[in-house]
């Protein structure tokens, strides 16, 4: 361990040399490498957590640069996957940490592989269904995790410890009706992201070094523009009939069984994602050659972007497809059938 690199952190009494040594032995999974995820990963890699795994399904776009701190204009112009761009930046920051970038959509078929071996899971998503999935894996494997959300000027976070605190499904029994507010519909300011993710990272470090006495016991809510700060006590919020942490019925882990593909609208993105239930390895070079005679094609080693019929269709190596320019599932299905087949 490089004592010089972490000297100021080790001078902080609650961490000290012993805590720093513990951080170096831990593995953390971050789900979502957008605004929250980039701040989370930056903090943990710089703090010396031994292994940081970053999972994200998307690529960098110009609209991300206002708040997603690890990316730059070259990443956006090259349509670099966020997990890849973040890993490259952070490995250069701290070569002693294992930084792992995974291009993937987290789902029931891969969640065990990507999350179950972690000491801590950090939420950088904007999706309730993915959070329910994280929650199920966390309960199954007794892994603590830290929930976080941010939109507009409002954010919240909470520490979830299986068997000790209420689980996420206790706190939020149902996903919000409709599509709700998103960064794409009501906007977001960058400072809010840094505040919420920094709180999350702080709680995560407490969990990793075992300082449970100082964990935040609230569902913290803050509006940085209106200068509001609320603390909702959750210690007694466990649902005695919770399907997840009480009955251990892990609904998210069995979702979509029997389907060939999963179609999902990405909230606020004017995009539909199509994910094969059984991923296949796609030859992107052949795909680019196939589409180039019939439309504009952009191609890198991670994805192919095909522009046709006033839409953009993005193909990833694992067979996942994004149809950009619509949130209508019927249109997405038609385009998928037309250009991909079944």
C-alpha atoms as a PDB file:
ATOM      1  CA  UNK A   1       0.000   0.000   0.000  1.00  0.00           C
ATOM      2  CA  UNK A   2       1.278   3.451  -0.979  1.00  0.00           C
ATOM      3  CA  UNK A   3       1.152   5.285   2.361  1.00  0.00           C
ATOM      4  CA  UNK A   4       2.069   8.579   0.702  1.00  0.00           C
ATOM      5  CA  UNK A   5      -0.868   8.482  -1.704  1.00  0.00           C
ATOM      6  CA  UNK A   6      -3.370   7.876   1.107  1.00  0.00           C
ATOM      7  CA  UNK A   7      -1.577   9.793   3.866  1.00  0.00           C
ATOM      8  CA  UNK A   8      -4.263  12.454   4.307  1.00  0.00           C
ATOM      9  CA  UNK A   9      -7.018   9.866   4.337  1.00  0.00           C
ATOM     10  CA  UNK A  10      -5.161   7.780   6.928  1.00  0.00           C
ATOM     11  CA  UNK A  11      -4.757  10.858   9.115  1.00  0.00           C
ATOM     12  CA  UNK A  12      -8.545  10.852   9.381  1.00  0.00           C
ATOM     13  CA  UNK A  13      -9.026   8.944  12.632  1.00  0.00           C
ATOM     14  CA  UNK A  14     -12.077   6.809  11.752  1.00  0.00           C
ATOM     15  CA  UNK A  15     -10.167   5.339   8.776  1.00  0.00           C
ATOM     16  CA  UNK A  16      -6.510   5.323   9.780  1.00  0.00           C
ATOM     17  CA  UNK A  17      -3.996   2.746   8.493  1.00  0.00           C
ATOM     18  CA  UNK A  18      -6.209  -0.186   9.503  1.00  0.00           C
ATOM     19  CA  UNK A  19      -9.199   1.142   7.593  1.00  0.00           C
ATOM     20  CA  UNK A  20      -7.040   1.929   4.572  1.00  0.00           C
ATOM     21  CA  UNK A  21      -5.788  -1.646   4.565  1.00  0.00           C
ATOM     22  CA  UNK A  22      -9.382  -2.897   4.674  1.00  0.00           C
ATOM     23  CA  UNK A  23     -10.387  -0.714   1.721  1.00  0.00           C
ATOM     24  CA  UNK A  24      -7.583  -2.221  -0.360  1.00  0.00           C
ATOM     25  CA  UNK A  25      -9.069  -5.691   0.130  1.00  0.00           C
ATOM     26  CA  UNK A  26     -12.648  -4.844  -0.871  1.00  0.00           C
ATOM     27  CA  UNK A  27     -14.610  -5.180  -4.090  1.00  0.00           C
ATOM     28  CA  UNK A  28     -17.365  -2.710  -4.981  1.00  0.00           C
ATOM     29  CA  UNK A  29     -19.853  -2.904  -7.846  1.00  0.00           C
ATOM     30  CA  UNK A  30     -21.293   0.340  -9.207  1.00  0.00           C
ATOM     31  CA  UNK A  31     -24.441  -0.087 -11.278  1.00  0.00           C
ATOM     32  CA  UNK A  32     -24.815   2.773 -13.746  1.00  0.00           C
ATOM     33  CA  UNK A  33     -21.983   5.038 -14.864  1.00  0.00           C
ATOM     34  CA  UNK A  34     -23.952   8.189 -15.531  1.00  0.00           C
ATOM     35  CA  UNK A  35     -23.936  11.231 -13.289  1.00  0.00           C
ATOM     36  CA  UNK A  36     -24.007   9.514  -9.893  1.00  0.00           C
ATOM     37  CA  UNK A  37     -21.859   6.601 -11.010  1.00  0.00           C
ATOM     38  CA  UNK A  38     -18.994   8.736 -12.270  1.00  0.00           C
ATOM     39  CA  UNK A  39     -18.752  10.576  -8.944  1.00  0.00           C
ATOM     40  CA  UNK A  40     -19.018   7.311  -6.997  1.00  0.00           C
ATOM     41  CA  UNK A  41     -16.299   5.610  -9.016  1.00  0.00           C
ATOM     42  CA  UNK A  42     -14.011   8.630  -8.847  1.00  0.00           C
ATOM     43  CA  UNK A  43     -14.251   8.740  -5.046  1.00  0.00           C
ATOM     44  CA  UNK A  44     -13.718   5.006  -4.529  1.00  0.00           C
ATOM     45  CA  UNK A  45     -10.783   4.624  -6.905  1.00  0.00           C
ATOM     46  CA  UNK A  46      -9.040   7.645  -5.407  1.00  0.00           C
ATOM     47  CA  UNK A  47      -9.772   6.312  -1.902  1.00  0.00           C
ATOM     48  CA  UNK A  48      -7.936   3.066  -2.700  1.00  0.00           C
ATOM     49  CA  UNK A  49     -10.743   0.503  -2.793  1.00  0.00           C
ATOM     50  CA  UNK A  50      -9.032  -2.598  -4.155  1.00  0.00           C
ATOM     51  CA  UNK A  51     -11.448  -3.561  -6.936  1.00  0.00           C
ATOM     52  CA  UNK A  52     -14.053  -1.300  -8.495  1.00  0.00           C
ATOM     53  CA  UNK A  53     -16.407  -2.870 -11.043  1.00  0.00           C
ATOM     54  CA  UNK A  54     -18.431  -0.416 -13.127  1.00  0.00           C
ATOM     55  CA  UNK A  55     -21.482  -1.668 -15.030  1.00  0.00           C
ATOM     56  CA  UNK A  56     -23.223   0.414 -17.670  1.00  0.00           C
ATOM     57  CA  UNK A  57     -25.197  -0.269 -20.848  1.00  0.00           C
ATOM     58  CA  UNK A  58     -24.843   3.115 -22.566  1.00  0.00           C
ATOM     59  CA  UNK A  59     -22.313   5.216 -24.456  1.00  0.00           C
ATOM     60  CA  UNK A  60     -21.183   8.811 -23.944  1.00  0.00           C
ATOM     61  CA  UNK A  61     -23.193  11.589 -25.600  1.00  0.00           C
ATOM     62  CA  UNK A  62     -22.609  15.344 -25.609  1.00  0.00           C
ATOM     63  CA  UNK A  63     -25.560  15.948 -23.266  1.00  0.00           C
ATOM     64  CA  UNK A  64     -23.792  13.886 -20.588  1.00  0.00           C
ATOM     65  CA  UNK A  65     -20.792  16.182 -20.277  1.00  0.00           C
ATOM     66  CA  UNK A  66     -22.534  18.816 -18.137  1.00  0.00           C
ATOM     67  CA  UNK A  67     -22.678  16.477 -15.118  1.00  0.00           C
ATOM     68  CA  UNK A  68     -20.917  13.163 -15.822  1.00  0.00           C
ATOM     69  CA  UNK A  69     -17.475  14.118 -14.648  1.00  0.00           C
ATOM     70  CA  UNK A  70     -15.289  11.353 -16.067  1.00  0.00           C
ATOM     71  CA  UNK A  71     -16.079  11.957 -19.732  1.00  0.00           C
ATOM     72  CA  UNK A  72     -14.848  14.433 -22.318  1.00  0.00           C
ATOM     73  CA  UNK A  73     -15.697  15.599 -25.826  1.00  0.00           C
ATOM     74  CA  UNK A  74     -13.582  12.890 -27.454  1.00  0.00           C
ATOM     75  CA  UNK A  75     -15.586  10.206 -25.635  1.00  0.00           C
ATOM     76  CA  UNK A  76     -18.843  11.733 -26.895  1.00  0.00           C
ATOM     77  CA  UNK A  77     -17.616  12.185 -30.459  1.00  0.00           C
ATOM     78  CA  UNK A  78     -16.380   8.597 -30.535  1.00  0.00           C
ATOM     79  CA  UNK A  79     -19.541   7.160 -28.927  1.00  0.00           C
ATOM     80  CA  UNK A  80     -17.344   5.367 -26.396  1.00  0.00           C
ATOM     81  CA  UNK A  81     -19.230   3.132 -23.934  1.00  0.00           C
ATOM     82  CA  UNK A  82     -19.344   4.776 -20.531  1.00  0.00           C
ATOM     83  CA  UNK A  83     -17.876   1.767 -18.729  1.00  0.00           C
ATOM     84  CA  UNK A  84     -14.885   1.767 -21.088  1.00  0.00           C
ATOM     85  CA  UNK A  85     -14.281   5.514 -20.939  1.00  0.00           C
ATOM     86  CA  UNK A  86     -14.584   5.586 -17.145  1.00  0.00           C
ATOM     87  CA  UNK A  87     -12.213   2.645 -16.700  1.00  0.00           C
ATOM     88  CA  UNK A  88      -9.571   4.284 -18.895  1.00  0.00           C
ATOM     89  CA  UNK A  89      -9.759   7.552 -16.965  1.00  0.00           C
ATOM     90  CA  UNK A  90      -9.692   5.964 -13.527  1.00  0.00           C
ATOM     91  CA  UNK A  91      -6.971   3.404 -14.227  1.00  0.00           C
ATOM     92  CA  UNK A  92      -4.746   6.365 -15.081  1.00  0.00           C
ATOM     93  CA  UNK A  93      -5.698   7.975 -11.764  1.00  0.00           C
ATOM     94  CA  UNK A  94      -4.797   4.957  -9.618  1.00  0.00           C
ATOM     95  CA  UNK A  95      -2.934   2.034 -11.158  1.00  0.00           C
ATOM     96  CA  UNK A  96      -2.930   0.114  -7.856  1.00  0.00           C
ATOM     97  CA  UNK A  97      -6.703  -0.372  -7.992  1.00  0.00           C
ATOM     98  CA  UNK A  98      -8.311  -2.997 -10.232  1.00  0.00           C
ATOM     99  CA  UNK A  99     -10.707  -0.947 -12.326  1.00  0.00           C
ATOM    100  CA  UNK A 100     -13.148  -3.065 -14.297  1.00  0.00           C
ATOM    101  CA  UNK A 101     -15.537  -1.612 -16.870  1.00  0.00           C
ATOM    102  CA  UNK A 102     -18.388  -3.889 -17.954  1.00  0.00           C
ATOM    103  CA  UNK A 103     -20.559  -2.943 -20.948  1.00  0.00           C
ATOM    104  CA  UNK A 104     -23.834  -4.567 -19.948  1.00  0.00           C
ATOM    105  CA  UNK A 105     -27.465  -4.012 -19.173  1.00  0.00           C
ATOM    106  CA  UNK A 106     -27.987  -5.438 -15.690  1.00  0.00           C
ATOM    107  CA  UNK A 107     -30.778  -8.011 -15.755  1.00  0.00           C
ATOM    108  CA  UNK A 108     -31.889 -11.238 -14.112  1.00  0.00           C
ATOM    109  CA  UNK A 109     -29.646 -13.320 -16.345  1.00  0.00           C
ATOM    110  CA  UNK A 110     -26.356 -11.613 -15.438  1.00  0.00           C
ATOM    111  CA  UNK A 111     -26.973 -10.014 -12.034  1.00  0.00           C
ATOM    112  CA  UNK A 112     -25.595 -12.969 -10.078  1.00  0.00           C
ATOM    113  CA  UNK A 113     -22.365 -12.941 -12.055  1.00  0.00           C
ATOM    114  CA  UNK A 114     -21.877  -9.181 -11.895  1.00  0.00           C
ATOM    115  CA  UNK A 115     -22.953  -8.447  -8.309  1.00  0.00           C
ATOM    116  CA  UNK A 116     -22.873 -11.519  -6.068  1.00  0.00           C
ATOM    117  CA  UNK A 117     -19.120 -11.463  -5.408  1.00  0.00           C
ATOM    118  CA  UNK A 118     -19.114  -7.825  -4.229  1.00  0.00           C
ATOM    119  CA  UNK A 119     -18.613  -6.504  -0.711  1.00  0.00           C
ATOM    120  CA  UNK A 120     -20.777  -3.479  -1.508  1.00  0.00           C
ATOM    121  CA  UNK A 121     -23.133  -2.350  -4.282  1.00  0.00           C
ATOM    122  CA  UNK A 122     -23.599   1.325  -5.117  1.00  0.00           C
ATOM    123  CA  UNK A 123     -26.618   2.567  -7.045  1.00  0.00           C
ATOM    124  CA  UNK A 124     -25.861   4.925  -9.917  1.00  0.00           C
ATOM    125  CA  UNK A 125     -28.999   4.087 -11.895  1.00  0.00           C
ATOM    126  CA  UNK A 126     -32.164   6.010 -12.695  1.00  0.00           C
ATOM    127  CA  UNK A 127     -34.351   2.918 -12.884  1.00  0.00           C
ATOM    128  CA  UNK A 128     -36.572   1.433 -10.180  1.00  0.00           C
ATOM    129  CA  UNK A 129     -36.695  -2.024 -11.764  1.00  0.00           C
ATOM    130  CA  UNK A 130     -32.898  -2.254 -11.706  1.00  0.00           C
ATOM    131  CA  UNK A 131     -32.933  -1.160  -8.065  1.00  0.00           C
ATOM    132  CA  UNK A 132     -35.369  -3.953  -7.214  1.00  0.00           C
ATOM    133  CA  UNK A 133     -32.962  -6.340  -8.927  1.00  0.00           C
ATOM    134  CA  UNK A 134     -30.021  -4.980  -6.917  1.00  0.00           C
ATOM    135  CA  UNK A 135     -32.132  -5.338  -3.796  1.00  0.00           C
ATOM    136  CA  UNK A 136     -32.914  -9.012  -4.528  1.00  0.00           C
ATOM    137  CA  UNK A 137     -29.257  -9.876  -5.125  1.00  0.00           C
ATOM    138  CA  UNK A 138     -28.222  -7.965  -2.001  1.00  0.00           C
ATOM    139  CA  UNK A 139     -30.702  -9.876   0.164  1.00  0.00           C
ATOM    140  CA  UNK A 140     -29.785 -13.233  -1.356  1.00  0.00           C
ATOM    141  CA  UNK A 141     -26.078 -12.733  -0.695  1.00  0.00           C
ATOM    142  CA  UNK A 142     -26.206 -10.459   2.359  1.00  0.00           C
ATOM    143  CA  UNK A 143     -24.501  -7.564   0.569  1.00  0.00           C
ATOM    144  CA  UNK A 144     -25.062  -3.982   1.783  1.00  0.00           C
ATOM    145  CA  UNK A 145     -25.878  -1.348  -0.792  1.00  0.00           C
ATOM    146  CA  UNK A 146     -26.477   2.381  -0.960  1.00  0.00           C
ATOM    147  CA  UNK A 147     -29.428   3.735  -2.902  1.00  0.00           C
ATOM    148  CA  UNK A 148     -29.191   7.157  -4.543  1.00  0.00           C
ATOM    149  CA  UNK A 149     -31.309   9.253  -6.867  1.00  0.00           C
ATOM    150  CA  UNK A 150     -31.038  12.758  -8.299  1.00  0.00           C
ATOM    151  CA  UNK A 151     -33.172  14.831 -10.654  1.00  0.00           C
ATOM    152  CA  UNK A 152     -33.811  18.569 -11.128  1.00  0.00           C
ATOM    153  CA  UNK A 153     -32.422  20.055  -7.881  1.00  0.00           C
ATOM    154  CA  UNK A 154     -33.656  17.212  -5.645  1.00  0.00           C
ATOM    155  CA  UNK A 155     -31.902  14.076  -4.506  1.00  0.00           C
ATOM    156  CA  UNK A 156     -32.037  11.338  -1.899  1.00  0.00           C
ATOM    157  CA  UNK A 157     -30.037   8.400  -0.616  1.00  0.00           C
ATOM    158  CA  UNK A 158     -30.301   5.591   1.926  1.00  0.00           C
ATOM    159  CA  UNK A 159     -28.170   2.762   3.284  1.00  0.00           C
ATOM    160  CA  UNK A 160     -29.689  -0.711   2.841  1.00  0.00           C
ATOM    161  CA  UNK A 161     -28.310  -3.528   5.011  1.00  0.00           C
ATOM    162  CA  UNK A 162     -30.050  -6.888   4.493  1.00  0.00           C
ATOM    163  CA  UNK A 163     -31.518  -8.227   7.729  1.00  0.00           C
ATOM    164  CA  UNK A 164     -30.735  -5.020   9.619  1.00  0.00           C
ATOM    165  CA  UNK A 165     -32.494  -2.144   7.847  1.00  0.00           C
ATOM    166  CA  UNK A 166     -35.689  -2.195   5.812  1.00  0.00           C
ATOM    167  CA  UNK A 167     -34.920  -3.290   2.282  1.00  0.00           C
ATOM    168  CA  UNK A 168     -35.564  -1.157  -0.782  1.00  0.00           C
ATOM    169  CA  UNK A 169     -38.882  -2.882  -1.498  1.00  0.00           C
ATOM    170  CA  UNK A 170     -39.981  -2.143   2.077  1.00  0.00           C
ATOM    171  CA  UNK A 171     -39.317   1.550   1.472  1.00  0.00           C
ATOM    172  CA  UNK A 172     -40.676   1.620  -2.079  1.00  0.00           C
ATOM    173  CA  UNK A 173     -43.199  -1.231  -2.485  1.00  0.00           C
ATOM    174  CA  UNK A 174     -44.081  -0.141  -6.004  1.00  0.00           C
ATOM    175  CA  UNK A 175     -42.269   1.739  -8.736  1.00  0.00           C
ATOM    176  CA  UNK A 176     -43.758   5.198  -9.328  1.00  0.00           C
ATOM    177  CA  UNK A 177     -46.757   5.150 -11.632  1.00  0.00           C
ATOM    178  CA  UNK A 178     -46.028   6.411 -15.121  1.00  0.00           C
ATOM    179  CA  UNK A 179     -42.581   7.547 -16.173  1.00  0.00           C
ATOM    180  CA  UNK A 180     -42.211  10.358 -13.660  1.00  0.00           C
ATOM    181  CA  UNK A 181     -39.625  13.093 -13.764  1.00  0.00           C
ATOM    182  CA  UNK A 182     -36.271  12.420 -15.370  1.00  0.00           C
ATOM    183  CA  UNK A 183     -33.175  14.432 -16.199  1.00  0.00           C
ATOM    184  CA  UNK A 184     -34.389  14.484 -19.801  1.00  0.00           C
ATOM    185  CA  UNK A 185     -37.769  15.999 -18.906  1.00  0.00           C
ATOM    186  CA  UNK A 186     -37.074  18.396 -16.004  1.00  0.00           C
ATOM    187  CA  UNK A 187     -33.295  18.708 -16.135  1.00  0.00           C
ATOM    188  CA  UNK A 188     -30.647  18.423 -13.444  1.00  0.00           C
ATOM    189  CA  UNK A 189     -27.842  20.578 -12.087  1.00  0.00           C
ATOM    190  CA  UNK A 190     -24.352  19.189 -11.663  1.00  0.00           C
ATOM    191  CA  UNK A 191     -23.708  20.195  -8.035  1.00  0.00           C
ATOM    192  CA  UNK A 192     -26.681  18.095  -6.884  1.00  0.00           C
ATOM    193  CA  UNK A 193     -25.100  14.999  -8.421  1.00  0.00           C
ATOM    194  CA  UNK A 194     -21.819  15.542  -6.627  1.00  0.00           C
ATOM    195  CA  UNK A 195     -23.569  16.087  -3.304  1.00  0.00           C
ATOM    196  CA  UNK A 196     -25.759  12.970  -3.435  1.00  0.00           C
ATOM    197  CA  UNK A 197     -23.041  10.678  -4.799  1.00  0.00           C
ATOM    198  CA  UNK A 198     -20.534  11.990  -2.256  1.00  0.00           C
ATOM    199  CA  UNK A 199     -22.958  11.117   0.530  1.00  0.00           C
ATOM    200  CA  UNK A 200     -23.375   7.664  -1.013  1.00  0.00           C
ATOM    201  CA  UNK A 201     -19.622   7.162  -1.291  1.00  0.00           C
ATOM    202  CA  UNK A 202     -19.109   8.245   2.320  1.00  0.00           C
ATOM    203  CA  UNK A 203     -21.688   5.724   3.555  1.00  0.00           C
ATOM    204  CA  UNK A 204     -20.054   3.119   1.337  1.00  0.00           C
ATOM    205  CA  UNK A 205     -16.629   3.712   2.882  1.00  0.00           C
ATOM    206  CA  UNK A 206     -18.154   3.388   6.362  1.00  0.00           C
ATOM    207  CA  UNK A 207     -19.622   0.030   5.348  1.00  0.00           C
ATOM    208  CA  UNK A 208     -16.356  -1.201   3.835  1.00  0.00           C
ATOM    209  CA  UNK A 209     -14.321  -0.469   6.979  1.00  0.00           C
ATOM    210  CA  UNK A 210     -17.048  -1.701   9.338  1.00  0.00           C
ATOM    211  CA  UNK A 211     -17.883   1.617  11.015  1.00  0.00           C
ATOM    212  CA  UNK A 212     -21.548   0.714  11.401  1.00  0.00           C
ATOM    213  CA  UNK A 213     -22.137   3.019  14.375  1.00  0.00           C
ATOM    214  CA  UNK A 214     -21.849   6.089  12.167  1.00  0.00           C
ATOM    215  CA  UNK A 215     -24.027   4.935   9.271  1.00  0.00           C
ATOM    216  CA  UNK A 216     -26.794   7.330   8.305  1.00  0.00           C
ATOM    217  CA  UNK A 217     -30.107   5.902   9.646  1.00  0.00           C
ATOM    218  CA  UNK A 218     -32.328   8.077   7.457  1.00  0.00           C
ATOM    219  CA  UNK A 219     -33.697   8.302   3.975  1.00  0.00           C
ATOM    220  CA  UNK A 220     -32.004  11.648   3.357  1.00  0.00           C
ATOM    221  CA  UNK A 221     -33.677  14.093   0.993  1.00  0.00           C
ATOM    222  CA  UNK A 222     -32.206  17.381  -0.161  1.00  0.00           C
ATOM    223  CA  UNK A 223     -33.187  20.171  -2.536  1.00  0.00           C
ATOM    224  CA  UNK A 224     -30.035  22.161  -3.171  1.00  0.00           C
ATOM    225  CA  UNK A 225     -31.840  24.994  -4.953  1.00  0.00           C
ATOM    226  CA  UNK A 226     -34.581  25.495  -2.368  1.00  0.00           C
ATOM    227  CA  UNK A 227     -32.182  24.861   0.531  1.00  0.00           C
ATOM    228  CA  UNK A 228     -34.396  22.084   1.928  1.00  0.00           C
ATOM    229  CA  UNK A 229     -33.031  19.108   3.831  1.00  0.00           C
ATOM    230  CA  UNK A 230     -35.258  16.355   5.260  1.00  0.00           C
ATOM    231  CA  UNK A 231     -34.385  13.233   7.215  1.00  0.00           C
ATOM    232  CA  UNK A 232     -36.958  10.443   7.165  1.00  0.00           C
ATOM    233  CA  UNK A 233     -36.256   7.807   9.869  1.00  0.00           C
ATOM    234  CA  UNK A 234     -36.468   4.349   8.309  1.00  0.00           C
ATOM    235  CA  UNK A 235     -35.279   2.049  11.099  1.00  0.00           C
ATOM    236  CA  UNK A 236     -38.835   0.924  11.851  1.00  0.00           C
ATOM    237  CA  UNK A 237     -39.953   0.876   8.234  1.00  0.00           C
ATOM    238  CA  UNK A 238     -39.611  -2.845   7.581  1.00  0.00           C
ATOM    239  CA  UNK A 239     -42.686  -4.372   5.991  1.00  0.00           C
ATOM    240  CA  UNK A 240     -43.558  -7.516   8.024  1.00  0.00           C
ATOM    241  CA  UNK A 241     -44.891  -9.091   4.830  1.00  0.00           C
ATOM    242  CA  UNK A 242     -42.230  -7.822   2.422  1.00  0.00           C
ATOM    243  CA  UNK A 243     -42.000 -10.197  -0.544  1.00  0.00           C
ATOM    244  CA  UNK A 244     -38.245  -9.660  -0.781  1.00  0.00           C
ATOM    245  CA  UNK A 245     -36.625  -9.498   2.654  1.00  0.00           C
ATOM    246  CA  UNK A 246     -39.312 -11.391   4.616  1.00  0.00           C
ATOM    247  CA  UNK A 247     -40.839 -13.929   2.225  1.00  0.00           C
ATOM    248  CA  UNK A 248     -37.649 -14.087   0.114  1.00  0.00           C
ATOM    249  CA  UNK A 249     -39.583 -14.100  -3.129  1.00  0.00           C
ATOM    250  CA  UNK A 250     -37.131 -12.564  -5.564  1.00  0.00           C
ATOM    251  CA  UNK A 251     -39.467 -11.367  -8.292  1.00  0.00           C
ATOM    252  CA  UNK A 252     -36.814  -9.409 -10.182  1.00  0.00           C
ATOM    253  CA  UNK A 253     -34.676 -12.501 -10.642  1.00  0.00           C
ATOM    254  CA  UNK A 254     -37.408 -14.406 -12.458  1.00  0.00           C
ATOM    255  CA  UNK A 255     -38.739 -11.566 -14.617  1.00  0.00           C
ATOM    256  CA  UNK A 256     -38.948 -12.191 -18.339  1.00  0.00           C
ATOM    257  CA  UNK A 257     -38.639 -15.979 -18.217  1.00  0.00           C
ATOM    258  CA  UNK A 258     -39.681 -17.612 -21.491  1.00  0.00           C
ATOM    259  CA  UNK A 259     -39.316 -14.511 -23.692  1.00  0.00           C
ATOM    260  CA  UNK A 260     -36.953 -14.285 -26.670  1.00  0.00           C
ATOM    261  CA  UNK A 261     -36.320 -10.553 -26.349  1.00  0.00           C
ATOM    262  CA  UNK A 262     -37.094  -7.898 -23.789  1.00  0.00           C
ATOM    263  CA  UNK A 263     -38.346  -4.537 -25.051  1.00  0.00           C
ATOM    264  CA  UNK A 264     -38.105  -1.602 -22.636  1.00  0.00           C
ATOM    265  CA  UNK A 265     -38.558   2.144 -22.969  1.00  0.00           C
ATOM    266  CA  UNK A 266     -35.597   4.008 -21.467  1.00  0.00           C
ATOM    267  CA  UNK A 267     -37.277   6.612 -19.330  1.00  0.00           C
ATOM    268  CA  UNK A 268     -37.006  10.138 -20.759  1.00  0.00           C
ATOM    269  CA  UNK A 269     -34.530   9.093 -23.440  1.00  0.00           C
ATOM    270  CA  UNK A 270     -36.849   8.774 -26.482  1.00  0.00           C
ATOM    271  CA  UNK A 271     -35.208   5.370 -26.842  1.00  0.00           C
ATOM    272  CA  UNK A 272     -36.323   1.753 -26.748  1.00  0.00           C
ATOM    273  CA  UNK A 273     -33.887  -0.966 -25.712  1.00  0.00           C
ATOM    274  CA  UNK A 274     -34.209  -4.494 -27.098  1.00  0.00           C
ATOM    275  CA  UNK A 275     -32.237  -7.074 -25.183  1.00  0.00           C
ATOM    276  CA  UNK A 276     -32.062 -10.732 -26.259  1.00  0.00           C
ATOM    277  CA  UNK A 277     -32.722 -12.993 -23.283  1.00  0.00           C
ATOM    278  CA  UNK A 278     -29.821 -15.183 -24.455  1.00  0.00           C
ATOM    279  CA  UNK A 279     -27.034 -12.819 -25.577  1.00  0.00           C
ATOM    280  CA  UNK A 280     -24.923 -13.698 -28.592  1.00  0.00           C
ATOM    281  CA  UNK A 281     -21.551 -12.427 -29.737  1.00  0.00           C
ATOM    282  CA  UNK A 282     -22.071 -10.089 -32.703  1.00  0.00           C
ATOM    283  CA  UNK A 283     -19.440  -9.435 -35.364  1.00  0.00           C
ATOM    284  CA  UNK A 284     -19.679  -5.651 -35.545  1.00  0.00           C
ATOM    285  CA  UNK A 285     -17.456  -5.370 -38.619  1.00  0.00           C
ATOM    286  CA  UNK A 286     -19.782  -7.606 -40.635  1.00  0.00           C
ATOM    287  CA  UNK A 287     -22.799  -5.731 -39.305  1.00  0.00           C
ATOM    288  CA  UNK A 288     -21.353  -2.388 -40.381  1.00  0.00           C
ATOM    289  CA  UNK A 289     -20.662  -3.728 -43.879  1.00  0.00           C
ATOM    290  CA  UNK A 290     -24.188  -5.137 -44.061  1.00  0.00           C
ATOM    291  CA  UNK A 291     -25.834  -1.795 -43.298  1.00  0.00           C
ATOM    292  CA  UNK A 292     -23.484   0.598 -45.092  1.00  0.00           C
ATOM    293  CA  UNK A 293     -25.196   0.254 -48.519  1.00  0.00           C
ATOM    294  CA  UNK A 294     -28.602   1.248 -47.122  1.00  0.00           C
ATOM    295  CA  UNK A 295     -27.869   4.005 -44.590  1.00  0.00           C
ATOM    296  CA  UNK A 296     -25.267   6.042 -42.723  1.00  0.00           C
ATOM    297  CA  UNK A 297     -23.131   3.891 -40.426  1.00  0.00           C
ATOM    298  CA  UNK A 298     -20.826   4.892 -37.544  1.00  0.00           C
ATOM    299  CA  UNK A 299     -18.665   2.113 -36.189  1.00  0.00           C
ATOM    300  CA  UNK A 300     -16.150   1.537 -33.424  1.00  0.00           C
ATOM    301  CA  UNK A 301     -14.961  -1.637 -31.719  1.00  0.00           C
ATOM    302  CA  UNK A 302     -17.772  -1.466 -29.166  1.00  0.00           C
ATOM    303  CA  UNK A 303     -20.873  -0.642 -31.214  1.00  0.00           C
ATOM    304  CA  UNK A 304     -22.419   0.159 -34.576  1.00  0.00           C
ATOM    305  CA  UNK A 305     -24.771   3.138 -35.077  1.00  0.00           C
ATOM    306  CA  UNK A 306     -27.044   2.825 -38.113  1.00  0.00           C
ATOM    307  CA  UNK A 307     -29.119   5.802 -39.284  1.00  0.00           C
ATOM    308  CA  UNK A 308     -32.226   4.904 -41.262  1.00  0.00           C
ATOM    309  CA  UNK A 309     -35.949   5.690 -41.457  1.00  0.00           C
ATOM    310  CA  UNK A 310     -35.411   8.867 -39.360  1.00  0.00           C
ATOM    311  CA  UNK A 311     -34.182   6.742 -36.453  1.00  0.00           C
ATOM    312  CA  UNK A 312     -30.804   5.683 -35.114  1.00  0.00           C
ATOM    313  CA  UNK A 313     -30.334   2.009 -34.299  1.00  0.00           C
ATOM    314  CA  UNK A 314     -27.380   1.120 -32.085  1.00  0.00           C
ATOM    315  CA  UNK A 315     -26.019  -2.424 -31.980  1.00  0.00           C
ATOM    316  CA  UNK A 316     -23.762  -3.760 -29.194  1.00  0.00           C
ATOM    317  CA  UNK A 317     -21.533  -6.834 -29.249  1.00  0.00           C
ATOM    318  CA  UNK A 318     -23.820  -8.813 -26.938  1.00  0.00           C
ATOM    319  CA  UNK A 319     -26.796  -8.444 -29.286  1.00  0.00           C
ATOM    320  CA  UNK A 320     -28.428  -5.593 -27.407  1.00  0.00           C
ATOM    321  CA  UNK A 321     -30.044  -2.909 -29.578  1.00  0.00           C
ATOM    322  CA  UNK A 322     -31.138   0.675 -28.907  1.00  0.00           C
ATOM    323  CA  UNK A 323     -33.726   2.289 -31.161  1.00  0.00           C
ATOM    324  CA  UNK A 324     -33.255   6.029 -30.729  1.00  0.00           C
ATOM    325  CA  UNK A 325     -35.858   8.550 -31.786  1.00  0.00           C
ATOM    326  CA  UNK A 326     -38.972   6.888 -30.429  1.00  0.00           C
ATOM    327  CA  UNK A 327     -40.533   5.665 -27.206  1.00  0.00           C
ATOM    328  CA  UNK A 328     -43.209   3.721 -29.097  1.00  0.00           C
ATOM    329  CA  UNK A 329     -42.692  -0.014 -28.599  1.00  0.00           C
ATOM    330  CA  UNK A 330     -44.610  -0.896 -31.771  1.00  0.00           C
ATOM    331  CA  UNK A 331     -42.298   1.275 -33.898  1.00  0.00           C
ATOM    332  CA  UNK A 332     -39.240  -0.215 -32.195  1.00  0.00           C
ATOM    333  CA  UNK A 333     -40.516  -3.750 -32.780  1.00  0.00           C
ATOM    334  CA  UNK A 334     -41.129  -2.975 -36.449  1.00  0.00           C
ATOM    335  CA  UNK A 335     -37.641  -1.552 -36.943  1.00  0.00           C
ATOM    336  CA  UNK A 336     -36.078  -4.435 -35.045  1.00  0.00           C
ATOM    337  CA  UNK A 337     -37.898  -6.970 -37.213  1.00  0.00           C
ATOM    338  CA  UNK A 338     -36.995  -5.061 -40.375  1.00  0.00           C
ATOM    339  CA  UNK A 339     -33.262  -4.736 -39.720  1.00  0.00           C
ATOM    340  CA  UNK A 340     -32.484  -7.525 -37.267  1.00  0.00           C
ATOM    341  CA  UNK A 341     -35.143 -10.210 -37.673  1.00  0.00           C
ATOM    342  CA  UNK A 342     -35.757 -12.650 -34.816  1.00  0.00           C
END
